[in-house]
Every structure is written in C-alpha cells, then in structure tokens.
Amino acid sequence: MSASDEKITIYLGCDGFGQDLLNSIKEHLNTKEDITIWDLGCDTYYDAAAKVAKEVTNQNPNSKLGILFCGTGMGVGIVANKFGGVRAATCENVTAARCARAVNNANVLCLGGMVTKPDIAINIVDAFLKQQFIHRPCCGDTGEPVPWWSDGVETFLSTSMDGIQKVKKEASLFGAKK
C-alpha cells in the first residue's frame, strides 16, 4: 500500500448504483492486513460523497483515503470536491488512478458501478493505493514508467499544492467553494 508501514484507513460510501461495486471492493480490501475500512453506507450520491469527504478533508493522503461509488463516479466526485482539502478523482483505468495520486495528490477515488466491472475496479483501487504523490507512475498494465516524467515534473509538483491554494483563494472571490 503506502510507502510507509503505517496502516491506511479507507472510508467507503456509495449510492444505490454503486452498492454492488462497493461490496466487491470492500471484500477485496478486507483481504489486506494494512488497511482499516470504514463503510459509511449507501445514501444519495451527494450525501454519500459528503460523508466520505468530511472524513478525509485535510487528512494525510498517505494514511486516510476515500473511495466513492455511484453510477458513473462523476456525481460523487463533483460533490466531494466541494469540500476543502478533498481532491477526488473519477478514474476509469489504472493509468488514470496512478496519475491522480502521482500528479494531483488525489485522496478520494471515485468509481462508477454502471461503467466499471469489479475485476477492473480492483486493479484501479490497488493502483491508486500503491501510488504516492510525486513518485513516477507506471503505464497501465505494462508496468513501464511513464515516459513523460522528469526532474522538471517533480520540481513543478513539489510546489503545485501551494499553487492550487492560490487559485482557490482567487476562486473564492468569484463565489467558488471556500
């Protein structure tokens, strides 16, 4: 899982369209000793997203993460991102999941029960959990490091969270979330 020996806490939530996929992922995660799972239940997509977002907001993304499920993964992601400190990413493949963590420091993975088969979702979740921020991700199934990663990318990413905070302050002047 994470690069450290620390146990990871994962908060799960879904709506009715994501319930079956949540159950499949929960069963998979229960086989891992270095994970604590908190299933926050099935609710409307917006309430499920809010419950998970409240748990991970401004927490260490190497020890507290969320996984949300709805029909497409889009609705829960949009709502979760309304919470400060949440960086939710809807991912439909392994490469996107790795890049969401490596480049965007995502702390919530969003998956769609109507668009993602359980075996694919398991691979996406495992990739998301193994990847660390500012660590070179690998391509999909090949496992080859992405060719575009460089020292320049790492330098940029090392200050990107500060840049995002600056934009967030600017956005608040235009009625965006605070």
N, C-alpha and C. Protein backbone atom coordinates (compact mmCIF):
# COMPACT_ATOMS: atom_id res chain seq x y z
N MET A 1 0.82 -1.18 0.00
CA MET A 1 0.00 0.00 0.00
C MET A 1 0.86 1.25 0.00
N SER A 2 0.92 1.98 1.09
CA SER A 2 1.73 3.18 1.09
C SER A 2 3.19 2.81 1.27
N ALA A 3 4.04 3.79 1.01
CA ALA A 3 5.48 3.54 1.12
C ALA A 3 5.89 3.30 2.56
N SER A 4 5.11 3.77 3.50
CA SER A 4 5.45 3.57 4.90
C SER A 4 4.78 2.30 5.42
N ASP A 5 5.11 1.97 6.66
CA ASP A 5 4.49 0.80 7.29
C ASP A 5 3.17 1.16 7.97
N GLU A 6 2.77 2.42 7.88
CA GLU A 6 1.56 2.90 8.52
C GLU A 6 0.33 2.24 7.91
N LYS A 7 -0.62 1.93 8.77
CA LYS A 7 -1.89 1.37 8.31
C LYS A 7 -2.71 2.47 7.65
N ILE A 8 -3.36 2.13 6.56
CA ILE A 8 -4.19 3.08 5.82
C ILE A 8 -5.64 2.90 6.26
N THR A 9 -6.33 4.02 6.49
CA THR A 9 -7.76 3.98 6.75
C THR A 9 -8.47 4.43 5.48
N ILE A 10 -9.41 3.63 5.05
CA ILE A 10 -10.17 3.94 3.84
C ILE A 10 -11.64 4.04 4.19
N TYR A 11 -12.23 5.16 3.81
CA TYR A 11 -13.65 5.41 4.03
C TYR A 11 -14.38 5.13 2.72
N LEU A 12 -15.42 4.31 2.79
CA LEU A 12 -16.20 3.93 1.62
C LEU A 12 -17.60 4.51 1.72
N GLY A 13 -18.15 4.91 0.57
CA GLY A 13 -19.52 5.38 0.53
C GLY A 13 -20.08 5.21 -0.87
N CYS A 14 -21.39 5.08 -0.98
CA CYS A 14 -21.99 4.86 -2.30
C CYS A 14 -23.44 5.31 -2.33
N ASP A 15 -23.95 5.34 -3.57
CA ASP A 15 -25.39 5.43 -3.76
C ASP A 15 -25.86 4.06 -4.26
N GLY A 16 -27.13 3.93 -4.57
CA GLY A 16 -27.66 2.64 -4.98
C GLY A 16 -27.02 2.07 -6.23
N PHE A 17 -26.59 2.94 -7.16
CA PHE A 17 -25.96 2.48 -8.39
C PHE A 17 -24.55 1.96 -8.14
N GLY A 18 -23.96 2.35 -7.04
CA GLY A 18 -22.59 1.93 -6.73
C GLY A 18 -22.48 0.85 -5.68
N GLN A 19 -23.61 0.42 -5.10
CA GLN A 19 -23.59 -0.52 -3.98
C GLN A 19 -22.89 -1.83 -4.31
N ASP A 20 -23.20 -2.45 -5.43
CA ASP A 20 -22.58 -3.73 -5.77
C ASP A 20 -21.07 -3.60 -5.94
N LEU A 21 -20.63 -2.51 -6.59
CA LEU A 21 -19.20 -2.32 -6.77
C LEU A 21 -18.51 -2.04 -5.44
N LEU A 22 -19.14 -1.26 -4.57
CA LEU A 22 -18.59 -1.04 -3.23
C LEU A 22 -18.41 -2.38 -2.52
N ASN A 23 -19.42 -3.24 -2.59
CA ASN A 23 -19.33 -4.54 -1.91
C ASN A 23 -18.17 -5.37 -2.45
N SER A 24 -17.96 -5.35 -3.76
CA SER A 24 -16.84 -6.10 -4.36
C SER A 24 -15.50 -5.55 -3.88
N ILE A 25 -15.37 -4.24 -3.88
CA ILE A 25 -14.11 -3.62 -3.45
C ILE A 25 -13.89 -3.82 -1.96
N LYS A 26 -14.93 -3.71 -1.18
CA LYS A 26 -14.81 -3.93 0.27
C LYS A 26 -14.34 -5.36 0.55
N GLU A 27 -14.90 -6.33 -0.14
CA GLU A 27 -14.47 -7.72 0.02
C GLU A 27 -12.99 -7.87 -0.32
N HIS A 28 -12.56 -7.23 -1.39
CA HIS A 28 -11.15 -7.28 -1.79
C HIS A 28 -10.26 -6.61 -0.73
N LEU A 29 -10.66 -5.43 -0.27
CA LEU A 29 -9.83 -4.71 0.70
C LEU A 29 -9.76 -5.43 2.04
N ASN A 30 -10.79 -6.17 2.38
CA ASN A 30 -10.79 -6.92 3.64
C ASN A 30 -9.72 -8.01 3.67
N THR A 31 -9.15 -8.36 2.53
CA THR A 31 -8.08 -9.36 2.49
C THR A 31 -6.72 -8.75 2.79
N LYS A 32 -6.64 -7.44 2.92
CA LYS A 32 -5.37 -6.75 3.12
C LYS A 32 -5.21 -6.36 4.59
N GLU A 33 -4.08 -6.75 5.16
CA GLU A 33 -3.85 -6.52 6.59
C GLU A 33 -3.51 -5.08 6.94
N ASP A 34 -3.01 -4.32 5.98
CA ASP A 34 -2.56 -2.96 6.28
C ASP A 34 -3.63 -1.90 6.01
N ILE A 35 -4.88 -2.33 5.98
CA ILE A 35 -5.99 -1.41 5.70
C ILE A 35 -7.08 -1.56 6.75
N THR A 36 -7.57 -0.41 7.23
CA THR A 36 -8.76 -0.36 8.05
C THR A 36 -9.87 0.25 7.20
N ILE A 37 -11.01 -0.40 7.17
CA ILE A 37 -12.12 0.04 6.33
C ILE A 37 -13.26 0.57 7.20
N TRP A 38 -13.77 1.72 6.79
CA TRP A 38 -14.98 2.28 7.38
C TRP A 38 -16.01 2.43 6.27
N ASP A 39 -17.01 1.58 6.29
CA ASP A 39 -18.09 1.66 5.30
C ASP A 39 -19.14 2.62 5.86
N LEU A 40 -19.27 3.77 5.21
CA LEU A 40 -20.20 4.80 5.68
C LEU A 40 -21.60 4.63 5.09
N GLY A 41 -21.79 3.54 4.36
CA GLY A 41 -23.13 3.17 3.92
C GLY A 41 -23.54 3.68 2.56
N CYS A 42 -24.79 3.36 2.25
CA CYS A 42 -25.41 3.71 0.98
C CYS A 42 -26.41 4.84 1.23
N ASP A 43 -26.35 5.87 0.39
CA ASP A 43 -27.18 7.04 0.58
C ASP A 43 -27.39 7.67 -0.79
N THR A 44 -27.93 8.86 -0.84
CA THR A 44 -27.95 9.59 -2.11
C THR A 44 -26.50 9.84 -2.51
N TYR A 45 -26.24 10.04 -3.77
CA TYR A 45 -24.85 10.24 -4.18
C TYR A 45 -24.23 11.45 -3.49
N TYR A 46 -25.01 12.49 -3.29
CA TYR A 46 -24.45 13.70 -2.68
C TYR A 46 -24.22 13.52 -1.18
N ASP A 47 -25.10 12.81 -0.49
CA ASP A 47 -24.87 12.58 0.94
C ASP A 47 -23.73 11.59 1.17
N ALA A 48 -23.64 10.57 0.33
CA ALA A 48 -22.53 9.61 0.45
C ALA A 48 -21.20 10.32 0.24
N ALA A 49 -21.14 11.18 -0.78
CA ALA A 49 -19.91 11.93 -1.06
C ALA A 49 -19.55 12.84 0.10
N ALA A 50 -20.55 13.49 0.68
CA ALA A 50 -20.29 14.40 1.80
C ALA A 50 -19.75 13.64 3.02
N LYS A 51 -20.31 12.47 3.29
CA LYS A 51 -19.85 11.68 4.44
C LYS A 51 -18.38 11.31 4.30
N VAL A 52 -17.99 10.83 3.13
CA VAL A 52 -16.60 10.43 2.91
C VAL A 52 -15.70 11.67 2.91
N ALA A 53 -16.13 12.72 2.23
CA ALA A 53 -15.32 13.94 2.15
C ALA A 53 -15.02 14.50 3.54
N LYS A 54 -16.00 14.50 4.42
CA LYS A 54 -15.79 15.02 5.77
C LYS A 54 -14.73 14.23 6.53
N GLU A 55 -14.60 12.96 6.22
CA GLU A 55 -13.61 12.12 6.91
C GLU A 55 -12.19 12.33 6.41
N VAL A 56 -12.04 12.65 5.13
CA VAL A 56 -10.68 12.76 4.58
C VAL A 56 -10.21 14.19 4.39
N THR A 57 -11.09 15.16 4.55
CA THR A 57 -10.69 16.54 4.31
C THR A 57 -9.49 16.92 5.18
N ASN A 58 -8.48 17.44 4.51
CA ASN A 58 -7.25 17.91 5.15
C ASN A 58 -6.54 16.85 6.00
N GLN A 59 -6.72 15.59 5.67
CA GLN A 59 -6.01 14.50 6.35
C GLN A 59 -4.79 14.10 5.52
N ASN A 60 -3.90 13.35 6.11
CA ASN A 60 -2.72 12.86 5.41
C ASN A 60 -3.16 11.87 4.32
N PRO A 61 -2.90 12.19 3.03
CA PRO A 61 -3.35 11.30 1.96
C PRO A 61 -2.57 9.99 1.88
N ASN A 62 -1.59 9.82 2.74
CA ASN A 62 -0.88 8.55 2.79
C ASN A 62 -1.45 7.63 3.86
N SER A 63 -2.39 8.15 4.67
CA SER A 63 -2.95 7.31 5.71
C SER A 63 -4.48 7.34 5.79
N LYS A 64 -5.12 8.33 5.19
CA LYS A 64 -6.59 8.42 5.20
C LYS A 64 -7.06 8.76 3.80
N LEU A 65 -7.78 7.81 3.21
CA LEU A 65 -8.28 7.96 1.84
C LEU A 65 -9.75 7.61 1.78
N GLY A 66 -10.39 8.04 0.71
CA GLY A 66 -11.79 7.69 0.49
C GLY A 66 -11.96 7.02 -0.86
N ILE A 67 -12.97 6.17 -0.93
CA ILE A 67 -13.39 5.60 -2.21
C ILE A 67 -14.90 5.73 -2.27
N LEU A 68 -15.37 6.38 -3.33
CA LEU A 68 -16.79 6.63 -3.52
C LEU A 68 -17.29 5.93 -4.77
N PHE A 69 -18.55 5.51 -4.73
CA PHE A 69 -19.16 4.78 -5.83
C PHE A 69 -20.54 5.34 -6.13
N CYS A 70 -20.80 5.60 -7.40
CA CYS A 70 -22.15 5.93 -7.86
C CYS A 70 -22.28 5.30 -9.24
N GLY A 71 -23.21 5.74 -10.04
CA GLY A 71 -23.39 5.12 -11.35
C GLY A 71 -22.18 5.28 -12.26
N THR A 72 -21.65 6.51 -12.33
CA THR A 72 -20.52 6.79 -13.20
C THR A 72 -19.25 7.21 -12.45
N GLY A 73 -19.39 7.53 -11.19
CA GLY A 73 -18.27 8.07 -10.43
C GLY A 73 -18.19 9.59 -10.53
N MET A 74 -18.92 10.15 -11.46
CA MET A 74 -18.86 11.60 -11.69
C MET A 74 -19.59 12.40 -10.60
N GLY A 75 -20.81 12.00 -10.28
CA GLY A 75 -21.60 12.75 -9.31
C GLY A 75 -20.94 12.82 -7.94
N VAL A 76 -20.47 11.68 -7.44
CA VAL A 76 -19.83 11.68 -6.12
C VAL A 76 -18.55 12.49 -6.15
N GLY A 77 -17.84 12.46 -7.29
CA GLY A 77 -16.61 13.23 -7.40
C GLY A 77 -16.86 14.73 -7.38
N ILE A 78 -17.88 15.15 -8.11
CA ILE A 78 -18.22 16.59 -8.13
C ILE A 78 -18.56 17.08 -6.73
N VAL A 79 -19.38 16.32 -6.02
CA VAL A 79 -19.79 16.75 -4.68
C VAL A 79 -18.62 16.69 -3.70
N ALA A 80 -17.84 15.63 -3.72
CA ALA A 80 -16.71 15.51 -2.79
C ALA A 80 -15.74 16.66 -2.96
N ASN A 81 -15.54 17.11 -4.20
CA ASN A 81 -14.59 18.20 -4.44
C ASN A 81 -15.10 19.56 -3.95
N LYS A 82 -16.31 19.62 -3.47
CA LYS A 82 -16.81 20.86 -2.88
C LYS A 82 -16.25 21.07 -1.47
N PHE A 83 -15.64 20.04 -0.91
CA PHE A 83 -15.08 20.12 0.44
C PHE A 83 -13.60 20.49 0.35
N GLY A 84 -13.22 21.50 1.13
CA GLY A 84 -11.82 21.91 1.15
C GLY A 84 -10.92 20.76 1.58
N GLY A 85 -9.79 20.65 0.93
CA GLY A 85 -8.84 19.59 1.28
C GLY A 85 -9.13 18.26 0.63
N VAL A 86 -10.22 18.16 -0.12
CA VAL A 86 -10.55 16.92 -0.84
C VAL A 86 -10.11 17.09 -2.28
N ARG A 87 -9.42 16.06 -2.77
CA ARG A 87 -9.01 16.02 -4.16
C ARG A 87 -9.51 14.69 -4.72
N ALA A 88 -10.78 14.71 -5.15
CA ALA A 88 -11.44 13.50 -5.65
C ALA A 88 -11.19 13.35 -7.14
N ALA A 89 -10.90 12.12 -7.56
CA ALA A 89 -10.64 11.84 -8.97
C ALA A 89 -11.49 10.66 -9.42
N THR A 90 -12.26 10.88 -10.48
CA THR A 90 -13.01 9.79 -11.09
C THR A 90 -12.07 9.11 -12.08
N CYS A 91 -11.82 7.83 -11.86
CA CYS A 91 -10.85 7.10 -12.68
C CYS A 91 -11.51 5.88 -13.30
N GLU A 92 -11.27 5.69 -14.57
CA GLU A 92 -11.84 4.56 -15.29
C GLU A 92 -10.79 3.56 -15.74
N ASN A 93 -9.51 3.82 -15.38
CA ASN A 93 -8.45 2.88 -15.70
C ASN A 93 -7.29 3.04 -14.73
N VAL A 94 -6.37 2.09 -14.78
CA VAL A 94 -5.24 2.05 -13.85
C VAL A 94 -4.31 3.25 -14.03
N THR A 95 -4.03 3.62 -15.27
CA THR A 95 -3.13 4.75 -15.50
C THR A 95 -3.69 6.03 -14.92
N ALA A 96 -4.99 6.27 -15.10
CA ALA A 96 -5.62 7.46 -14.54
C ALA A 96 -5.53 7.46 -13.02
N ALA A 97 -5.72 6.30 -12.40
CA ALA A 97 -5.65 6.20 -10.94
C ALA A 97 -4.23 6.51 -10.44
N ARG A 98 -3.23 5.96 -11.12
CA ARG A 98 -1.85 6.23 -10.72
C ARG A 98 -1.50 7.71 -10.88
N CYS A 99 -1.91 8.28 -12.00
CA CYS A 99 -1.61 9.69 -12.24
C CYS A 99 -2.38 10.61 -11.30
N ALA A 100 -3.60 10.22 -10.93
CA ALA A 100 -4.38 11.03 -9.98
C ALA A 100 -3.63 11.18 -8.66
N ARG A 101 -2.98 10.11 -8.24
CA ARG A 101 -2.20 10.17 -6.98
C ARG A 101 -0.83 10.84 -7.21
N ALA A 102 -0.13 10.44 -8.27
CA ALA A 102 1.24 10.93 -8.51
C ALA A 102 1.26 12.42 -8.82
N VAL A 103 0.31 12.89 -9.61
CA VAL A 103 0.33 14.26 -10.11
C VAL A 103 -0.59 15.18 -9.29
N ASN A 104 -1.77 14.69 -8.92
CA ASN A 104 -2.77 15.53 -8.27
C ASN A 104 -2.92 15.31 -6.78
N ASN A 105 -2.18 14.35 -6.23
CA ASN A 105 -2.26 14.03 -4.80
C ASN A 105 -3.71 13.73 -4.40
N ALA A 106 -4.43 13.03 -5.27
CA ALA A 106 -5.83 12.69 -5.00
C ALA A 106 -5.94 11.89 -3.72
N ASN A 107 -6.97 12.20 -2.94
CA ASN A 107 -7.20 11.48 -1.70
C ASN A 107 -8.56 10.77 -1.68
N VAL A 108 -9.32 10.91 -2.75
CA VAL A 108 -10.58 10.19 -2.90
C VAL A 108 -10.65 9.64 -4.33
N LEU A 109 -10.88 8.35 -4.44
CA LEU A 109 -11.07 7.69 -5.72
C LEU A 109 -12.56 7.52 -5.95
N CYS A 110 -13.03 7.87 -7.13
CA CYS A 110 -14.45 7.73 -7.47
C CYS A 110 -14.60 6.74 -8.62
N LEU A 111 -15.50 5.79 -8.44
CA LEU A 111 -15.72 4.74 -9.42
C LEU A 111 -17.20 4.62 -9.76
N GLY A 112 -17.48 4.16 -10.98
CA GLY A 112 -18.85 4.02 -11.44
C GLY A 112 -19.31 2.58 -11.52
N GLY A 113 -20.32 2.26 -10.76
CA GLY A 113 -20.86 0.91 -10.75
C GLY A 113 -21.52 0.50 -12.06
N MET A 114 -21.96 1.46 -12.85
CA MET A 114 -22.59 1.14 -14.13
C MET A 114 -21.58 1.06 -15.26
N VAL A 115 -20.35 1.53 -15.04
CA VAL A 115 -19.37 1.61 -16.12
C VAL A 115 -18.07 0.86 -15.85
N THR A 116 -17.89 0.36 -14.64
CA THR A 116 -16.64 -0.32 -14.28
C THR A 116 -16.94 -1.69 -13.71
N LYS A 117 -16.39 -2.70 -14.35
CA LYS A 117 -16.56 -4.08 -13.87
C LYS A 117 -15.72 -4.29 -12.61
N PRO A 118 -16.17 -5.15 -11.70
CA PRO A 118 -15.45 -5.36 -10.44
C PRO A 118 -13.98 -5.74 -10.60
N ASP A 119 -13.64 -6.60 -11.55
CA ASP A 119 -12.23 -7.00 -11.69
C ASP A 119 -11.36 -5.83 -12.14
N ILE A 120 -11.90 -4.97 -12.98
CA ILE A 120 -11.17 -3.77 -13.40
C ILE A 120 -11.07 -2.80 -12.22
N ALA A 121 -12.16 -2.65 -11.48
CA ALA A 121 -12.17 -1.74 -10.33
C ALA A 121 -11.14 -2.17 -9.28
N ILE A 122 -10.98 -3.45 -9.07
CA ILE A 122 -9.98 -3.93 -8.11
C ILE A 122 -8.59 -3.48 -8.54
N ASN A 123 -8.28 -3.61 -9.82
CA ASN A 123 -6.98 -3.17 -10.33
C ASN A 123 -6.80 -1.66 -10.17
N ILE A 124 -7.86 -0.91 -10.43
CA ILE A 124 -7.81 0.55 -10.28
C ILE A 124 -7.55 0.93 -8.83
N VAL A 125 -8.29 0.30 -7.92
CA VAL A 125 -8.13 0.59 -6.49
C VAL A 125 -6.72 0.25 -6.02
N ASP A 126 -6.22 -0.92 -6.39
CA ASP A 126 -4.87 -1.32 -5.97
C ASP A 126 -3.82 -0.34 -6.49
N ALA A 127 -3.96 0.09 -7.74
CA ALA A 127 -3.02 1.05 -8.31
C ALA A 127 -3.09 2.38 -7.57
N PHE A 128 -4.29 2.84 -7.27
CA PHE A 128 -4.49 4.10 -6.55
C PHE A 128 -3.83 4.03 -5.18
N LEU A 129 -4.01 2.93 -4.48
CA LEU A 129 -3.48 2.81 -3.12
C LEU A 129 -1.96 2.66 -3.10
N LYS A 130 -1.39 2.06 -4.10
CA LYS A 130 0.07 1.86 -4.13
C LYS A 130 0.83 3.12 -4.54
N GLN A 131 0.20 3.96 -5.33
CA GLN A 131 0.89 5.13 -5.88
C GLN A 131 1.02 6.24 -4.84
N GLN A 132 2.15 6.91 -4.84
CA GLN A 132 2.39 8.04 -3.95
C GLN A 132 2.53 9.32 -4.76
N PHE A 133 2.26 10.44 -4.12
CA PHE A 133 2.40 11.76 -4.74
C PHE A 133 3.87 12.02 -5.05
N ILE A 134 4.12 12.60 -6.20
CA ILE A 134 5.45 12.95 -6.71
C ILE A 134 6.37 11.72 -6.78
N HIS A 135 5.80 10.60 -7.13
CA HIS A 135 6.56 9.38 -7.44
C HIS A 135 6.15 8.96 -8.84
N ARG A 136 7.12 8.71 -9.67
CA ARG A 136 6.88 8.37 -11.08
C ARG A 136 5.89 7.21 -11.21
N PRO A 137 4.75 7.45 -11.87
CA PRO A 137 3.77 6.37 -12.06
C PRO A 137 4.19 5.48 -13.24
N CYS A 138 3.55 4.34 -13.30
CA CYS A 138 3.77 3.41 -14.41
C CYS A 138 2.55 3.42 -15.31
N CYS A 139 2.76 3.01 -16.55
CA CYS A 139 1.66 2.90 -17.52
C CYS A 139 0.81 1.69 -17.22
N GLY A 140 -0.49 1.84 -17.37
CA GLY A 140 -1.47 0.76 -17.27
C GLY A 140 -0.97 -0.61 -16.91
N ASP A 141 -1.21 -1.55 -17.77
CA ASP A 141 -0.89 -2.94 -17.49
C ASP A 141 0.57 -3.30 -17.76
N THR A 142 1.29 -2.45 -18.49
CA THR A 142 2.66 -2.79 -18.85
C THR A 142 3.62 -2.67 -17.68
N GLY A 143 3.31 -1.77 -16.75
CA GLY A 143 4.20 -1.55 -15.61
C GLY A 143 5.42 -0.72 -15.95
N GLU A 144 5.53 -0.29 -17.19
CA GLU A 144 6.65 0.56 -17.60
C GLU A 144 6.44 1.97 -17.06
N PRO A 145 7.50 2.62 -16.57
CA PRO A 145 7.36 4.00 -16.11
C PRO A 145 6.88 4.91 -17.25
N VAL A 146 6.05 5.88 -16.91
CA VAL A 146 5.56 6.80 -17.94
C VAL A 146 6.75 7.56 -18.52
N PRO A 147 6.78 7.77 -19.84
CA PRO A 147 7.94 8.39 -20.47
C PRO A 147 8.06 9.89 -20.24
N TRP A 148 6.99 10.54 -19.84
CA TRP A 148 6.99 11.99 -19.72
C TRP A 148 7.48 12.50 -18.36
N TRP A 149 7.72 11.61 -17.41
CA TRP A 149 8.15 12.02 -16.07
C TRP A 149 9.59 12.51 -16.11
N SER A 150 9.88 13.57 -15.39
CA SER A 150 11.24 14.12 -15.37
C SER A 150 11.48 14.84 -14.05
N ASP A 151 12.72 15.30 -13.86
CA ASP A 151 13.03 16.12 -12.69
C ASP A 151 12.21 17.40 -12.71
N GLY A 152 11.96 17.93 -13.90
CA GLY A 152 11.15 19.14 -14.03
C GLY A 152 9.72 18.92 -13.56
N VAL A 153 9.17 17.76 -13.87
CA VAL A 153 7.82 17.43 -13.40
C VAL A 153 7.82 17.37 -11.88
N GLU A 154 8.80 16.72 -11.29
CA GLU A 154 8.87 16.61 -9.83
C GLU A 154 9.03 17.98 -9.18
N THR A 155 9.84 18.83 -9.78
CA THR A 155 10.03 20.19 -9.24
C THR A 155 8.71 20.95 -9.28
N PHE A 156 8.02 20.87 -10.42
CA PHE A 156 6.72 21.53 -10.54
C PHE A 156 5.74 21.01 -9.49
N LEU A 157 5.65 19.69 -9.36
CA LEU A 157 4.69 19.09 -8.44
C LEU A 157 5.00 19.43 -6.99
N SER A 158 6.26 19.64 -6.67
CA SER A 158 6.63 19.94 -5.28
C SER A 158 6.05 21.26 -4.80
N THR A 159 5.66 22.13 -5.73
CA THR A 159 5.04 23.41 -5.35
C THR A 159 3.59 23.51 -5.82
N SER A 160 3.07 22.47 -6.46
CA SER A 160 1.74 22.56 -7.05
C SER A 160 0.63 22.75 -6.03
N MET A 161 0.75 22.15 -4.86
CA MET A 161 -0.30 22.31 -3.85
C MET A 161 -0.39 23.76 -3.40
N ASP A 162 0.75 24.47 -3.32
CA ASP A 162 0.74 25.90 -3.00
C ASP A 162 0.05 26.69 -4.10
N GLY A 163 0.33 26.33 -5.34
CA GLY A 163 -0.32 27.00 -6.46
C GLY A 163 -1.81 26.80 -6.46
N ILE A 164 -2.24 25.60 -6.11
CA ILE A 164 -3.68 25.31 -6.05
C ILE A 164 -4.34 26.14 -4.95
N GLN A 165 -3.66 26.30 -3.82
CA GLN A 165 -4.22 27.13 -2.74
C GLN A 165 -4.39 28.58 -3.20
N LYS A 166 -3.43 29.08 -3.98
CA LYS A 166 -3.52 30.44 -4.51
C LYS A 166 -4.74 30.57 -5.41
N VAL A 167 -4.94 29.61 -6.30
CA VAL A 167 -6.10 29.65 -7.20
C VAL A 167 -7.39 29.53 -6.41
N LYS A 168 -7.38 28.70 -5.37
CA LYS A 168 -8.57 28.53 -4.53
C LYS A 168 -8.98 29.86 -3.90
N LYS A 169 -7.98 30.64 -3.44
CA LYS A 169 -8.28 31.95 -2.86
C LYS A 169 -8.87 32.88 -3.91
N GLU A 170 -8.30 32.86 -5.11
CA GLU A 170 -8.84 33.67 -6.21
C GLU A 170 -10.27 33.25 -6.53
N ALA A 171 -10.51 31.95 -6.58
CA ALA A 171 -11.84 31.44 -6.91
C ALA A 171 -12.87 31.87 -5.88
N SER A 172 -12.47 31.97 -4.63
CA SER A 172 -13.42 32.34 -3.58
C SER A 172 -13.98 33.74 -3.82
N LEU A 173 -13.23 34.56 -4.53
CA LEU A 173 -13.72 35.90 -4.86
C LEU A 173 -14.84 35.85 -5.90
N PHE A 174 -14.97 34.72 -6.57
CA PHE A 174 -15.98 34.57 -7.62
C PHE A 174 -17.09 33.63 -7.21
N GLY A 175 -17.22 33.37 -5.91
CA GLY A 175 -18.32 32.56 -5.41
C GLY A 175 -18.06 31.07 -5.42
N ALA A 176 -16.83 30.65 -5.66
CA ALA A 176 -16.50 29.22 -5.61
C ALA A 176 -16.43 28.77 -4.17
N LYS A 177 -16.31 27.46 -3.96
CA LYS A 177 -16.22 26.94 -2.60
C LYS A 177 -15.04 27.55 -1.89
N LYS A 178 -15.15 27.70 -0.61
CA LYS A 178 -14.07 28.32 0.18
C LYS A 178 -13.19 27.29 0.79
